[in-house]
PDB file of N, CA and C in Angstrom:
ATOM      1  N   MET A   1      79.633 115.404 145.162  1.00  0.00           N
ATOM      2  CA  MET A   1      79.196 115.199 146.653  1.00  0.00           C
ATOM      3  C   MET A   1      80.390 114.609 147.398  1.00  0.00           C
ATOM      4  N   VAL A   2      80.627 115.447 148.743  1.00  0.00           N
ATOM      5  CA  VAL A   2      81.608 115.034 149.606  1.00  0.00           C
ATOM      6  C   VAL A   2      81.056 113.799 150.113  1.00  0.00           C
ATOM      7  N   ASP A   3      82.121 112.624 150.527  1.00  0.00           N
ATOM      8  CA  ASP A   3      81.701 111.525 151.107  1.00  0.00           C
ATOM      9  C   ASP A   3      82.117 111.940 152.747  1.00  0.00           C
ATOM     10  N   THR A   4      81.463 112.382 153.306  1.00  0.00           N
ATOM     11  CA  THR A   4      81.494 113.152 154.760  1.00  0.00           C
ATOM     12  C   THR A   4      81.869 111.916 155.805  1.00  0.00           C
ATOM     13  N   MET A   5      81.537 110.574 155.527  1.00  0.00           N
ATOM     14  CA  MET A   5      81.866 109.546 156.493  1.00  0.00           C
ATOM     15  C   MET A   5      83.567 109.467 156.197  1.00  0.00           C
ATOM     16  N   LYS A   6      83.867 109.316 155.236  1.00  0.00           N
ATOM     17  CA  LYS A   6      85.328 108.957 154.951  1.00  0.00           C
ATOM     18  C   LYS A   6      86.040 110.356 155.324  1.00  0.00           C
ATOM     19  N   LEU A   7      85.671 111.655 154.974  1.00  0.00           N
ATOM     20  CA  LEU A   7      86.359 112.773 155.639  1.00  0.00           C
ATOM     21  C   LEU A   7      86.316 112.989 157.167  1.00  0.00           C
ATOM     22  N   ARG A   8      85.368 112.262 157.707  1.00  0.00           N
ATOM     23  CA  ARG A   8      85.333 112.293 159.292  1.00  0.00           C
ATOM     24  C   ARG A   8      86.506 111.403 159.584  1.00  0.00           C
ATOM     25  N   GLY A   9      86.330 110.208 159.122  1.00  0.00           N
ATOM     26  CA  GLY A   9      87.654 109.333 159.580  1.00  0.00           C
ATOM     27  C   GLY A   9      88.701 109.745 159.120  1.00  0.00           C
ATOM     28  N   ILE A  10      89.104 110.440 158.195  1.00  0.00           N
ATOM     29  CA  ILE A  10      90.547 110.913 157.876  1.00  0.00           C
ATOM     30  C   ILE A  10      90.611 112.013 158.889  1.00  0.00           C
ATOM     31  N   ILE A  11      89.865 113.048 159.263  1.00  0.00           N
ATOM     32  CA  ILE A  11      89.954 113.568 160.335  1.00  0.00           C
ATOM     33  C   ILE A  11      90.432 113.118 161.398  1.00  0.00           C
ATOM     34  N   SER A  12      89.573 112.465 162.358  1.00  0.00           N
ATOM     35  CA  SER A  12      89.948 111.471 163.564  1.00  0.00           C
ATOM     36  C   SER A  12      91.266 110.512 163.225  1.00  0.00           C
ATOM     37  N   GLU A  13      91.748 110.223 161.973  1.00  0.00           N
ATOM     38  CA  GLU A  13      92.840 109.475 162.017  1.00  0.00           C
ATOM     39  C   GLU A  13      94.000 110.551 161.940  1.00  0.00           C
ATOM     40  N   ARG A  14      93.899 111.667 161.815  1.00  0.00           N
ATOM     41  CA  ARG A  14      94.905 112.684 161.834  1.00  0.00           C
ATOM     42  C   ARG A  14      95.069 113.540 163.243  1.00  0.00           C
ATOM     43  N   GLY A  15      93.943 112.899 164.035  1.00  0.00           N
ATOM     44  CA  GLY A  15      94.103 113.481 165.539  1.00  0.00           C
ATOM     45  C   GLY A  15      93.465 114.929 165.655  1.00  0.00           C
ATOM     46  N   LEU A  16      92.784 115.321 164.415  1.00  0.00           N
ATOM     47  CA  LEU A  16      91.877 116.520 164.626  1.00  0.00           C
ATOM     48  C   LEU A  16      90.524 116.490 164.758  1.00  0.00           C
ATOM     49  N   SER A  17      89.822 117.577 165.253  1.00  0.00           N
ATOM     50  CA  SER A  17      88.591 117.668 165.274  1.00  0.00           C
ATOM     51  C   SER A  17      88.021 118.433 164.226  1.00  0.00           C
ATOM     52  N   GLN A  18      86.824 118.346 164.130  1.00  0.00           N
ATOM     53  CA  GLN A  18      86.041 119.165 163.040  1.00  0.00           C
ATOM     54  C   GLN A  18      86.018 120.654 163.341  1.00  0.00           C
ATOM     55  N   ARG A  19      86.180 121.013 164.366  1.00  0.00           N
ATOM     56  CA  ARG A  19      86.535 122.271 165.131  1.00  0.00           C
ATOM     57  C   ARG A  19      87.764 122.949 164.596  1.00  0.00           C
ATOM     58  N   LYS A  20      88.875 122.198 164.794  1.00  0.00           N
ATOM     59  CA  LYS A  20      90.242 122.386 164.263  1.00  0.00           C
ATOM     60  C   LYS A  20      90.304 122.645 162.552  1.00  0.00           C
ATOM     61  N   VAL A  21      89.637 121.955 161.988  1.00  0.00           N
ATOM     62  CA  VAL A  21      89.610 122.007 160.431  1.00  0.00           C
ATOM     63  C   VAL A  21      88.813 122.798 160.039  1.00  0.00           C
ATOM     64  N   ALA A  22      87.826 123.344 160.788  1.00  0.00           N
ATOM     65  CA  ALA A  22      87.040 124.610 160.359  1.00  0.00           C
ATOM     66  C   ALA A  22      87.766 125.894 160.859  1.00  0.00           C
ATOM     67  N   GLN A  23      88.526 125.816 161.798  1.00  0.00           N
ATOM     68  CA  GLN A  23      89.326 127.178 161.989  1.00  0.00           C
ATOM     69  C   GLN A  23      90.388 127.196 161.044  1.00  0.00           C
ATOM     70  N   SER A  24      90.942 125.762 160.683  1.00  0.00           N
ATOM     71  CA  SER A  24      92.054 125.975 159.600  1.00  0.00           C
ATOM     72  C   SER A  24      91.611 126.355 158.423  1.00  0.00           C
ATOM     73  N   ILE A  25      90.611 126.116 157.961  1.00  0.00           N
ATOM     74  CA  ILE A  25      90.103 126.488 156.419  1.00  0.00           C
ATOM     75  C   ILE A  25      89.539 127.694 156.505  1.00  0.00           C
ATOM     76  N   GLY A  26      89.196 128.670 157.520  1.00  0.00           N
ATOM     77  CA  GLY A  26      88.592 129.958 157.804  1.00  0.00           C
ATOM     78  C   GLY A  26      87.412 129.990 157.808  1.00  0.00           C
ATOM     79  N   VAL A  27      86.530 128.827 158.216  1.00  0.00           N
ATOM     80  CA  VAL A  27      85.244 128.842 158.318  1.00  0.00           C
ATOM     81  C   VAL A  27      84.637 128.694 159.855  1.00  0.00           C
ATOM     82  N   THR A  28      83.726 129.165 160.142  1.00  0.00           N
ATOM     83  CA  THR A  28      83.044 128.960 161.596  1.00  0.00           C
ATOM     84  C   THR A  28      82.629 127.653 161.772  1.00  0.00           C
ATOM     85  N   GLU A  29      82.913 127.224 163.195  1.00  0.00           N
ATOM     86  CA  GLU A  29      82.333 125.879 163.373  1.00  0.00           C
ATOM     87  C   GLU A  29      81.013 125.396 162.922  1.00  0.00           C
ATOM     88  N   LYS A  30      80.200 126.305 163.022  1.00  0.00           N
ATOM     89  CA  LYS A  30      78.651 126.069 162.468  1.00  0.00           C
ATOM     90  C   LYS A  30      78.470 125.838 160.915  1.00  0.00           C
ATOM     91  N   THR A  31      79.339 126.874 160.179  1.00  0.00           N
ATOM     92  CA  THR A  31      79.285 126.930 158.772  1.00  0.00           C
ATOM     93  C   THR A  31      79.964 125.501 158.509  1.00  0.00           C
ATOM     94  N   PHE A  32      80.962 125.058 159.158  1.00  0.00           N
ATOM     95  CA  PHE A  32      81.780 123.774 158.652  1.00  0.00           C
ATOM     96  C   PHE A  32      80.787 122.426 158.936  1.00  0.00           C
ATOM     97  N   TYR A  33      79.931 122.621 160.255  1.00  0.00           N
ATOM     98  CA  TYR A  33      78.952 121.324 160.039  1.00  0.00           C
ATOM     99  C   TYR A  33      77.943 121.577 159.126  1.00  0.00           C
ATOM    100  N   CYS A  34      77.082 122.717 158.934  1.00  0.00           N
ATOM    101  CA  CYS A  34      76.575 122.790 157.794  1.00  0.00           C
ATOM    102  C   CYS A  34      77.112 122.230 156.301  1.00  0.00           C
ATOM    103  N   LYS A  35      78.224 122.547 156.163  1.00  0.00           N
ATOM    104  CA  LYS A  35      78.816 122.067 155.133  1.00  0.00           C
ATOM    105  C   LYS A  35      78.733 120.708 155.045  1.00  0.00           C
ATOM    106  N   MET A  36      79.443 120.032 156.057  1.00  0.00           N
ATOM    107  CA  MET A  36      79.517 118.586 156.295  1.00  0.00           C
ATOM    108  C   MET A  36      78.264 117.953 155.910  1.00  0.00           C
ATOM    109  N   LYS A  37      76.966 118.617 156.608  1.00  0.00           N
ATOM    110  CA  LYS A  37      75.620 118.071 156.684  1.00  0.00           C
ATOM    111  C   LYS A  37      75.250 117.881 155.163  1.00  0.00           C
ATOM    112  N   ARG A  38      75.414 118.993 154.492  1.00  0.00           N
ATOM    113  CA  ARG A  38      74.900 118.888 152.828  1.00  0.00           C
ATOM    114  C   ARG A  38      75.912 118.180 152.018  1.00  0.00           C
ATOM    115  N   GLY A  39      77.517 118.252 152.569  1.00  0.00           N
ATOM    116  CA  GLY A  39      78.113 117.458 151.641  1.00  0.00           C
ATOM    117  C   GLY A  39      78.678 118.394 150.623  1.00  0.00           C
ATOM    118  N   ILE A  40      78.599 119.447 150.805  1.00  0.00           N
ATOM    119  CA  ILE A  40      79.276 120.522 149.649  1.00  0.00           C
ATOM    120  C   ILE A  40      80.233 121.330 150.251  1.00  0.00           C
ATOM    121  N   PHE A  41      81.404 121.594 149.779  1.00  0.00           N
ATOM    122  CA  PHE A  41      82.537 122.293 150.029  1.00  0.00           C
ATOM    123  C   PHE A  41      82.611 123.334 148.931  1.00  0.00           C
ATOM    124  N   ASP A  42      83.502 124.429 148.970  1.00  0.00           N
ATOM    125  CA  ASP A  42      83.949 125.395 147.806  1.00  0.00           C
ATOM    126  C   ASP A  42      85.195 124.621 147.475  1.00  0.00           C
ATOM    127  N   SER A  43      85.723 124.912 146.334  1.00  0.00           N
ATOM    128  CA  SER A  43      87.014 124.352 145.771  1.00  0.00           C
ATOM    129  C   SER A  43      88.182 124.870 146.877  1.00  0.00           C
ATOM    130  N   ASP A  44      87.936 126.023 147.144  1.00  0.00           N
ATOM    131  CA  ASP A  44      89.223 126.381 147.621  1.00  0.00           C
ATOM    132  C   ASP A  44      89.324 125.827 149.260  1.00  0.00           C
ATOM    133  N   GLU A  45      88.310 125.497 149.972  1.00  0.00           N
ATOM    134  CA  GLU A  45      88.092 124.752 151.071  1.00  0.00           C
ATOM    135  C   GLU A  45      88.316 123.174 150.958  1.00  0.00           C
ATOM    136  N   ILE A  46      88.205 122.620 149.735  1.00  0.00           N
ATOM    137  CA  ILE A  46      88.593 121.294 149.461  1.00  0.00           C
ATOM    138  C   ILE A  46      90.342 121.267 149.130  1.00  0.00           C
ATOM    139  N   GLN A  47      90.889 122.160 148.719  1.00  0.00           N
ATOM    140  CA  GLN A  47      92.160 122.391 148.456  1.00  0.00           C
ATOM    141  C   GLN A  47      92.985 122.472 149.750  1.00  0.00           C
ATOM    142  N   GLN A  48      92.430 123.172 150.882  1.00  0.00           N
ATOM    143  CA  GLN A  48      92.855 123.526 152.103  1.00  0.00           C
ATOM    144  C   GLN A  48      92.893 122.169 152.971  1.00  0.00           C
ATOM    145  N   MET A  49      91.682 121.519 152.688  1.00  0.00           N
ATOM    146  CA  MET A  49      91.514 120.101 153.748  1.00  0.00           C
ATOM    147  C   MET A  49      92.463 119.239 152.839  1.00  0.00           C
ATOM    148  N   ILE A  50      92.569 119.216 151.498  1.00  0.00           N
ATOM    149  CA  ILE A  50      93.638 118.100 151.100  1.00  0.00           C
ATOM    150  C   ILE A  50      94.836 118.341 151.597  1.00  0.00           C
ATOM    151  N   GLU A  51      95.187 119.665 151.793  1.00  0.00           N
ATOM    152  CA  GLU A  51      96.582 119.597 152.021  1.00  0.00           C
ATOM    153  C   GLU A  51      96.939 119.459 153.545  1.00  0.00           C
ATOM    154  N   LEU A  52      95.747 120.261 154.391  1.00  0.00           N
ATOM    155  CA  LEU A  52      96.049 119.976 156.033  1.00  0.00           C
ATOM    156  C   LEU A  52      95.788 118.527 156.454  1.00  0.00           C
ATOM    157  N   LEU A  53      94.896 118.015 155.815  1.00  0.00           N
ATOM    158  CA  LEU A  53      94.820 116.149 156.001  1.00  0.00           C
ATOM    159  C   LEU A  53      95.523 115.388 155.359  1.00  0.00           C
ATOM    160  N   ASP A  54      96.455 115.984 154.525  1.00  0.00           N
ATOM    161  CA  ASP A  54      97.502 115.329 153.833  1.00  0.00           C
ATOM    162  C   ASP A  54      96.682 113.776 152.851  1.00  0.00           C
ATOM    163  N   ILE A  55      95.886 114.513 152.433  1.00  0.00           N
ATOM    164  CA  ILE A  55      94.653 113.461 151.518  1.00  0.00           C
ATOM    165  C   ILE A  55      95.350 112.992 150.561  1.00  0.00           C
ATOM    166  N   GLN A  56      95.607 111.827 150.254  1.00  0.00           N
ATOM    167  CA  GLN A  56      96.511 111.077 149.060  1.00  0.00           C
ATOM    168  C   GLN A  56      95.584 110.841 147.802  1.00  0.00           C
ATOM    169  N   ASN A  57      94.166 110.641 148.112  1.00  0.00           N
ATOM    170  CA  ASN A  57      93.243 110.260 147.086  1.00  0.00           C
ATOM    171  C   ASN A  57      91.911 111.146 147.141  1.00  0.00           C
ATOM    172  N   PRO A  58      92.060 112.397 146.999  1.00  0.00           N
ATOM    173  CA  PRO A  58      90.814 113.338 147.200  1.00  0.00           C
ATOM    174  C   PRO A  58      89.611 113.015 146.343  1.00  0.00           C
ATOM    175  N   MET A  59      90.061 112.382 145.184  1.00  0.00           N
ATOM    176  CA  MET A  59      88.662 112.223 144.203  1.00  0.00           C
ATOM    177  C   MET A  59      87.752 111.164 144.882  1.00  0.00           C
ATOM    178  N   GLU A  60      88.076 110.237 145.821  1.00  0.00           N
ATOM    179  CA  GLU A  60      87.089 109.331 146.289  1.00  0.00           C
ATOM    180  C   GLU A  60      86.564 109.744 147.707  1.00  0.00           C
ATOM    181  N   ILE A  61      86.904 111.109 147.928  1.00  0.00           N
ATOM    182  CA  ILE A  61      86.091 111.816 149.285  1.00  0.00           C
ATOM    183  C   ILE A  61      85.411 112.986 148.756  1.00  0.00           C
ATOM    184  N   PHE A  62      86.116 113.731 147.868  1.00  0.00           N
ATOM    185  CA  PHE A  62      85.333 115.270 147.289  1.00  0.00           C
ATOM    186  C   PHE A  62      84.450 114.914 146.279  1.00  0.00           C
ATOM    187  N   PHE A  63      84.872 113.814 145.680  1.00  0.00           N
ATOM    188  CA  PHE A  63      83.750 113.705 144.449  1.00  0.00           C
ATOM    189  C   PHE A  63      83.281 112.377 144.184  1.00  0.00           C
ATOM    190  N   ALA A  64      82.760 112.095 145.404  1.00  0.00           N
ATOM    191  CA  ALA A  64      82.347 110.635 145.666  1.00  0.00           C
ATOM    192  C   ALA A  64      80.850 110.379 144.927  1.00  0.00           C
ATOM    193  N   LYS A  65      80.590 109.646 144.182  1.00  0.00           N
ATOM    194  CA  LYS A  65      79.251 109.356 143.570  1.00  0.00           C
ATOM    195  C   LYS A  65      78.328 108.143 144.432  1.00  0.00           C
ATOM    196  N   PHE A  66      77.308 108.493 144.793  1.00  0.00           N
ATOM    197  CA  PHE A  66      76.262 107.964 145.384  1.00  0.00           C
ATOM    198  C   PHE A  66      75.192 107.504 144.692  1.00  0.00           C
ATOM    199  N   GLY A  67      74.918 106.397 144.829  1.00  0.00           N
ATOM    200  CA  GLY A  67      73.767 105.893 144.117  1.00  0.00           C
ATOM    201  C   GLY A  67      74.288 105.738 142.477  1.00  0.00           C
ATOM    202  N   ALA A  68      75.042 105.438 142.242  1.00  0.00           N
ATOM    203  CA  ALA A  68      75.669 105.363 140.520  1.00  0.00           C
ATOM    204  C   ALA A  68      76.270 103.800 140.431  1.00  0.00           C
TER     205      ALA A  68
END
């Protein structure tokens, strides 16, 4: 499950909006918000966000463990 709080932080740090990220990975804004709410993205979308946002440690964001 995706740590959406960290992902939102990185999006903000990079000076982007969730709308811009949605457009960049090829999904609608509504779809992006739904995926953020559920905390689940496809592997292709994850890879695109890693590259777009220059995420150095994707494991702690995209494969976060909650309650473990």
